[in-house]
Amino acid sequence: MKILRCKEVTVKTGLPRTTIYEMIKEKLFPAPIQLGPRTTGWVEDEVEDWLLEKVKERDTVACSA
């Protein structure tokens, strides 16, 4: 299992930090895990699953158009 820090998540998703945290609050993006008192990270597989879901949503919309 690999843990991604915030900068890696922003690069991987193309989303800014503030958008990621807004989406977490709305339960639209995987929540980070607490690694230490002031350190969080994301499970890479969860972020990749989220990205794959976005691709599926796009493909579903494209097929039904």
PDB file of N, CA and C in Angstrom:
ATOM      1  N   MET A   1       0.856  -1.177   0.000  1.00  0.00           N
ATOM      2  CA  MET A   1       0.000   0.000   0.000  1.00  0.00           C
ATOM      3  C   MET A   1       0.897   1.232   0.000  1.00  0.00           C
ATOM      4  N   LYS A   2       0.550   2.183  -0.851  1.00  0.00           N
ATOM      5  CA  LYS A   2       1.310   3.426  -0.914  1.00  0.00           C
ATOM      6  C   LYS A   2       0.425   4.569  -0.426  1.00  0.00           C
ATOM      7  N   ILE A   3       1.029   5.449   0.321  1.00  0.00           N
ATOM      8  CA  ILE A   3       0.335   6.633   0.830  1.00  0.00           C
ATOM      9  C   ILE A   3       0.830   7.853   0.058  1.00  0.00           C
ATOM     10  N   LEU A   4      -0.115   8.658  -0.403  1.00  0.00           N
ATOM     11  CA  LEU A   4       0.206   9.879  -1.131  1.00  0.00           C
ATOM     12  C   LEU A   4       0.029  11.090  -0.229  1.00  0.00           C
ATOM     13  N   ARG A   5       0.932  12.000  -0.308  1.00  0.00           N
ATOM     14  CA  ARG A   5       0.783  13.270   0.401  1.00  0.00           C
ATOM     15  C   ARG A   5      -0.043  14.215  -0.466  1.00  0.00           C
ATOM     16  N   CYS A   6      -0.475  15.322   0.079  1.00  0.00           N
ATOM     17  CA  CYS A   6      -1.381  16.239  -0.600  1.00  0.00           C
ATOM     18  C   CYS A   6      -0.832  16.700  -1.951  1.00  0.00           C
ATOM     19  N   LYS A   7       0.425  17.043  -2.001  1.00  0.00           N
ATOM     20  CA  LYS A   7       1.000  17.523  -3.269  1.00  0.00           C
ATOM     21  C   LYS A   7       0.898  16.450  -4.355  1.00  0.00           C
ATOM     22  N   GLU A   8       1.145  15.196  -3.978  1.00  0.00           N
ATOM     23  CA  GLU A   8       1.043  14.102  -4.946  1.00  0.00           C
ATOM     24  C   GLU A   8      -0.397  13.916  -5.420  1.00  0.00           C
ATOM     25  N   VAL A   9      -1.346  14.096  -4.516  1.00  0.00           N
ATOM     26  CA  VAL A   9      -2.758  13.956  -4.872  1.00  0.00           C
ATOM     27  C   VAL A   9      -3.169  15.074  -5.828  1.00  0.00           C
ATOM     28  N   THR A  10      -2.716  16.277  -5.574  1.00  0.00           N
ATOM     29  CA  THR A  10      -3.058  17.384  -6.475  1.00  0.00           C
ATOM     30  C   THR A  10      -2.461  17.158  -7.864  1.00  0.00           C
ATOM     31  N   VAL A  11      -1.255  16.645  -7.923  1.00  0.00           N
ATOM     32  CA  VAL A  11      -0.631  16.365  -9.225  1.00  0.00           C
ATOM     33  C   VAL A  11      -1.386  15.239  -9.926  1.00  0.00           C
ATOM     34  N   LYS A  12      -1.701  14.185  -9.216  1.00  0.00           N
ATOM     35  CA  LYS A  12      -2.357  13.000  -9.799  1.00  0.00           C
ATOM     36  C   LYS A  12      -3.758  13.327 -10.311  1.00  0.00           C
ATOM     37  N   THR A  13      -4.494  14.159  -9.583  1.00  0.00           N
ATOM     38  CA  THR A  13      -5.886  14.461  -9.950  1.00  0.00           C
ATOM     39  C   THR A  13      -6.028  15.720 -10.794  1.00  0.00           C
ATOM     40  N   GLY A  14      -5.073  16.612 -10.686  1.00  0.00           N
ATOM     41  CA  GLY A  14      -5.193  17.897 -11.375  1.00  0.00           C
ATOM     42  C   GLY A  14      -6.077  18.882 -10.630  1.00  0.00           C
ATOM     43  N   LEU A  15      -6.477  18.508  -9.407  1.00  0.00           N
ATOM     44  CA  LEU A  15      -7.343  19.371  -8.602  1.00  0.00           C
ATOM     45  C   LEU A  15      -6.517  20.171  -7.603  1.00  0.00           C
ATOM     46  N   PRO A  16      -6.899  21.434  -7.364  1.00  0.00           N
ATOM     47  CA  PRO A  16      -6.213  22.192  -6.318  1.00  0.00           C
ATOM     48  C   PRO A  16      -6.587  21.672  -4.929  1.00  0.00           C
ATOM     49  N   ARG A  17      -5.724  21.955  -3.981  1.00  0.00           N
ATOM     50  CA  ARG A  17      -5.891  21.499  -2.593  1.00  0.00           C
ATOM     51  C   ARG A  17      -7.251  21.886  -2.016  1.00  0.00           C
ATOM     52  N   THR A  18      -7.666  23.126  -2.226  1.00  0.00           N
ATOM     53  CA  THR A  18      -8.939  23.582  -1.648  1.00  0.00           C
ATOM     54  C   THR A  18     -10.116  22.799  -2.219  1.00  0.00           C
ATOM     55  N   THR A  19     -10.085  22.490  -3.499  1.00  0.00           N
ATOM     56  CA  THR A  19     -11.163  21.721  -4.121  1.00  0.00           C
ATOM     57  C   THR A  19     -11.203  20.315  -3.545  1.00  0.00           C
ATOM     58  N   ILE A  20     -10.045  19.712  -3.352  1.00  0.00           N
ATOM     59  CA  ILE A  20      -9.985  18.371  -2.770  1.00  0.00           C
ATOM     60  C   ILE A  20     -10.648  18.374  -1.397  1.00  0.00           C
ATOM     61  N   TYR A  21     -10.300  19.342  -0.557  1.00  0.00           N
ATOM     62  CA  TYR A  21     -10.877  19.369   0.789  1.00  0.00           C
ATOM     63  C   TYR A  21     -12.368  19.700   0.773  1.00  0.00           C
ATOM     64  N   GLU A  22     -12.820  20.519  -0.167  1.00  0.00           N
ATOM     65  CA  GLU A  22     -14.255  20.780  -0.293  1.00  0.00           C
ATOM     66  C   GLU A  22     -14.987  19.507  -0.703  1.00  0.00           C
ATOM     67  N   MET A  23     -14.399  18.750  -1.620  1.00  0.00           N
ATOM     68  CA  MET A  23     -15.016  17.509  -2.077  1.00  0.00           C
ATOM     69  C   MET A  23     -15.028  16.460  -0.964  1.00  0.00           C
ATOM     70  N   ILE A  24     -13.988  16.433  -0.131  1.00  0.00           N
ATOM     71  CA  ILE A  24     -13.966  15.517   1.012  1.00  0.00           C
ATOM     72  C   ILE A  24     -15.120  15.848   1.955  1.00  0.00           C
ATOM     73  N   LYS A  25     -15.311  17.133   2.210  1.00  0.00           N
ATOM     74  CA  LYS A  25     -16.384  17.571   3.107  1.00  0.00           C
ATOM     75  C   LYS A  25     -17.753  17.134   2.584  1.00  0.00           C
ATOM     76  N   GLU A  26     -17.907  17.130   1.244  1.00  0.00           N
ATOM     77  CA  GLU A  26     -19.171  16.738   0.621  1.00  0.00           C
ATOM     78  C   GLU A  26     -19.241  15.232   0.338  1.00  0.00           C
ATOM     79  N   LYS A  27     -18.225  14.491   0.819  1.00  0.00           N
ATOM     80  CA  LYS A  27     -18.157  13.030   0.625  1.00  0.00           C
ATOM     81  C   LYS A  27     -18.051  12.647  -0.857  1.00  0.00           C
ATOM     82  N   LEU A  28     -17.380  13.495  -1.647  1.00  0.00           N
ATOM     83  CA  LEU A  28     -17.211  13.244  -3.072  1.00  0.00           C
ATOM     84  C   LEU A  28     -15.791  12.819  -3.434  1.00  0.00           C
ATOM     85  N   PHE A  29     -14.914  12.747  -2.437  1.00  0.00           N
ATOM     86  CA  PHE A  29     -13.519  12.381  -2.654  1.00  0.00           C
ATOM     87  C   PHE A  29     -13.047  11.602  -1.428  1.00  0.00           C
ATOM     88  N   PRO A  30     -12.152  10.640  -1.626  1.00  0.00           N
ATOM     89  CA  PRO A  30     -11.688   9.852  -0.470  1.00  0.00           C
ATOM     90  C   PRO A  30     -11.044  10.724   0.610  1.00  0.00           C
ATOM     91  N   ALA A  31     -11.374  10.431   1.840  1.00  0.00           N
ATOM     92  CA  ALA A  31     -10.806  11.170   2.968  1.00  0.00           C
ATOM     93  C   ALA A  31      -9.375  10.702   3.235  1.00  0.00           C
ATOM     94  N   PRO A  32      -8.531  11.610   3.710  1.00  0.00           N
ATOM     95  CA  PRO A  32      -7.164  11.207   4.057  1.00  0.00           C
ATOM     96  C   PRO A  32      -7.147  10.442   5.373  1.00  0.00           C
ATOM     97  N   ILE A  33      -6.036   9.766   5.619  1.00  0.00           N
ATOM     98  CA  ILE A  33      -5.837   9.086   6.902  1.00  0.00           C
ATOM     99  C   ILE A  33      -4.825   9.875   7.715  1.00  0.00           C
ATOM    100  N   GLN A  34      -4.984   9.841   9.010  1.00  0.00           N
ATOM    101  CA  GLN A  34      -4.070  10.537   9.919  1.00  0.00           C
ATOM    102  C   GLN A  34      -2.804   9.707  10.079  1.00  0.00           C
ATOM    103  N   LEU A  35      -1.653  10.271   9.734  1.00  0.00           N
ATOM    104  CA  LEU A  35      -0.377   9.572   9.843  1.00  0.00           C
ATOM    105  C   LEU A  35       0.399   9.983  11.082  1.00  0.00           C
ATOM    106  N   GLY A  36       0.120  11.161  11.565  1.00  0.00           N
ATOM    107  CA  GLY A  36       0.790  11.694  12.733  1.00  0.00           C
ATOM    108  C   GLY A  36      -0.005  12.873  13.239  1.00  0.00           C
ATOM    109  N   PRO A  37       0.487  13.568  14.257  1.00  0.00           N
ATOM    110  CA  PRO A  37      -0.267  14.695  14.823  1.00  0.00           C
ATOM    111  C   PRO A  37      -0.605  15.788  13.803  1.00  0.00           C
ATOM    112  N   ARG A  38       0.301  16.015  12.852  1.00  0.00           N
ATOM    113  CA  ARG A  38       0.071  17.073  11.855  1.00  0.00           C
ATOM    114  C   ARG A  38       0.297  16.570  10.430  1.00  0.00           C
ATOM    115  N   THR A  39       0.126  15.277  10.239  1.00  0.00           N
ATOM    116  CA  THR A  39       0.428  14.686   8.941  1.00  0.00           C
ATOM    117  C   THR A  39      -0.711  13.784   8.484  1.00  0.00           C
ATOM    118  N   THR A  40      -1.168  14.002   7.253  1.00  0.00           N
ATOM    119  CA  THR A  40      -2.190  13.142   6.663  1.00  0.00           C
ATOM    120  C   THR A  40      -1.713  12.663   5.303  1.00  0.00           C
ATOM    121  N   GLY A  41      -2.365  11.646   4.820  1.00  0.00           N
ATOM    122  CA  GLY A  41      -2.056  11.128   3.499  1.00  0.00           C
ATOM    123  C   GLY A  41      -3.242  10.351   2.970  1.00  0.00           C
ATOM    124  N   TRP A  42      -3.224  10.083   1.675  1.00  0.00           N
ATOM    125  CA  TRP A  42      -4.297   9.357   1.022  1.00  0.00           C
ATOM    126  C   TRP A  42      -3.789   7.998   0.574  1.00  0.00           C
ATOM    127  N   VAL A  43      -4.644   7.000   0.675  1.00  0.00           N
ATOM    128  CA  VAL A  43      -4.307   5.681   0.159  1.00  0.00           C
ATOM    129  C   VAL A  43      -4.371   5.783  -1.372  1.00  0.00           C
ATOM    130  N   GLU A  44      -3.258   5.476  -2.016  1.00  0.00           N
ATOM    131  CA  GLU A  44      -3.157   5.640  -3.464  1.00  0.00           C
ATOM    132  C   GLU A  44      -4.258   4.878  -4.201  1.00  0.00           C
ATOM    133  N   ASP A  45      -4.545   3.657  -3.776  1.00  0.00           N
ATOM    134  CA  ASP A  45      -5.582   2.857  -4.448  1.00  0.00           C
ATOM    135  C   ASP A  45      -6.948   3.545  -4.393  1.00  0.00           C
ATOM    136  N   GLU A  46      -7.251   4.219  -3.289  1.00  0.00           N
ATOM    137  CA  GLU A  46      -8.539   4.912  -3.176  1.00  0.00           C
ATOM    138  C   GLU A  46      -8.609   6.092  -4.144  1.00  0.00           C
ATOM    139  N   VAL A  47      -7.510   6.818  -4.288  1.00  0.00           N
ATOM    140  CA  VAL A  47      -7.471   7.946  -5.226  1.00  0.00           C
ATOM    141  C   VAL A  47      -7.587   7.421  -6.656  1.00  0.00           C
ATOM    142  N   GLU A  48      -6.885   6.346  -6.968  1.00  0.00           N
ATOM    143  CA  GLU A  48      -6.956   5.772  -8.309  1.00  0.00           C
ATOM    144  C   GLU A  48      -8.346   5.228  -8.608  1.00  0.00           C
ATOM    145  N   ASP A  49      -8.996   4.609  -7.621  1.00  0.00           N
ATOM    146  CA  ASP A  49     -10.370   4.136  -7.807  1.00  0.00           C
ATOM    147  C   ASP A  49     -11.306   5.302  -8.091  1.00  0.00           C
ATOM    148  N   TRP A  50     -11.106   6.416  -7.406  1.00  0.00           N
ATOM    149  CA  TRP A  50     -11.923   7.607  -7.622  1.00  0.00           C
ATOM    150  C   TRP A  50     -11.742   8.104  -9.065  1.00  0.00           C
ATOM    151  N   LEU A  51     -10.488   8.127  -9.528  1.00  0.00           N
ATOM    152  CA  LEU A  51     -10.219   8.557 -10.900  1.00  0.00           C
ATOM    153  C   LEU A  51     -10.870   7.610 -11.914  1.00  0.00           C
ATOM    154  N   LEU A  52     -10.771   6.314 -11.683  1.00  0.00           N
ATOM    155  CA  LEU A  52     -11.393   5.340 -12.584  1.00  0.00           C
ATOM    156  C   LEU A  52     -12.905   5.517 -12.626  1.00  0.00           C
ATOM    157  N   GLU A  53     -13.498   5.846 -11.485  1.00  0.00           N
ATOM    158  CA  GLU A  53     -14.940   6.085 -11.435  1.00  0.00           C
ATOM    159  C   GLU A  53     -15.315   7.299 -12.287  1.00  0.00           C
ATOM    160  N   LYS A  54     -14.475   8.328 -12.263  1.00  0.00           N
ATOM    161  CA  LYS A  54     -14.721   9.514 -13.085  1.00  0.00           C
ATOM    162  C   LYS A  54     -14.668   9.165 -14.565  1.00  0.00           C
ATOM    163  N   VAL A  55     -13.742   8.284 -14.950  1.00  0.00           N
ATOM    164  CA  VAL A  55     -13.643   7.842 -16.349  1.00  0.00           C
ATOM    165  C   VAL A  55     -14.897   7.063 -16.728  1.00  0.00           C
ATOM    166  N   LYS A  56     -15.366   6.173 -15.838  1.00  0.00           N
ATOM    167  CA  LYS A  56     -16.592   5.413 -16.105  1.00  0.00           C
ATOM    168  C   LYS A  56     -17.782   6.337 -16.281  1.00  0.00           C
ATOM    169  N   GLU A  57     -17.882   7.368 -15.417  1.00  0.00           N
ATOM    170  CA  GLU A  57     -18.980   8.336 -15.535  1.00  0.00           C
ATOM    171  C   GLU A  57     -18.927   9.030 -16.878  1.00  0.00           C
ATOM    172  N   ARG A  58     -17.752   9.416 -17.299  1.00  0.00           N
ATOM    173  CA  ARG A  58     -17.598  10.080 -18.593  1.00  0.00           C
ATOM    174  C   ARG A  58     -18.034   9.152 -19.724  1.00  0.00           C
ATOM    175  N   ASP A  59     -17.572   7.901 -19.656  1.00  0.00           N
ATOM    176  CA  ASP A  59     -17.889   6.953 -20.717  1.00  0.00           C
ATOM    177  C   ASP A  59     -19.376   6.633 -20.760  1.00  0.00           C
ATOM    178  N   THR A  60     -20.023   6.572 -19.602  1.00  0.00           N
ATOM    179  CA  THR A  60     -21.455   6.315 -19.549  1.00  0.00           C
ATOM    180  C   THR A  60     -22.236   7.450 -20.197  1.00  0.00           C
ATOM    181  N   VAL A  61     -21.829   8.674 -19.913  1.00  0.00           N
ATOM    182  CA  VAL A  61     -22.501   9.846 -20.493  1.00  0.00           C
ATOM    183  C   VAL A  61     -22.261   9.868 -22.002  1.00  0.00           C
ATOM    184  N   ALA A  62     -21.047   9.569 -22.438  1.00  0.00           N
ATOM    185  CA  ALA A  62     -20.713   9.582 -23.865  1.00  0.00           C
ATOM    186  C   ALA A  62     -21.501   8.528 -24.628  1.00  0.00           C
ATOM    187  N   CYS A  63     -21.715   7.360 -24.008  1.00  0.00           N
ATOM    188  CA  CYS A  63     -22.455   6.276 -24.669  1.00  0.00           C
ATOM    189  C   CYS A  63     -23.945   6.568 -24.772  1.00  0.00           C
ATOM    190  N   SER A  64     -24.482   7.301 -23.814  1.00  0.00           N
ATOM    191  CA  SER A  64     -25.920   7.567 -23.822  1.00  0.00           C
ATOM    192  C   SER A  64     -26.283   8.818 -24.623  1.00  0.00           C
ATOM    193  N   ALA A  65     -25.292   9.541 -25.092  1.00  0.00           N
ATOM    194  CA  ALA A  65     -25.569  10.777 -25.854  1.00  0.00           C
ATOM    195  C   ALA A  65     -25.875  10.479 -27.297  1.00  0.00           C
TER     196      ALA A  65
END
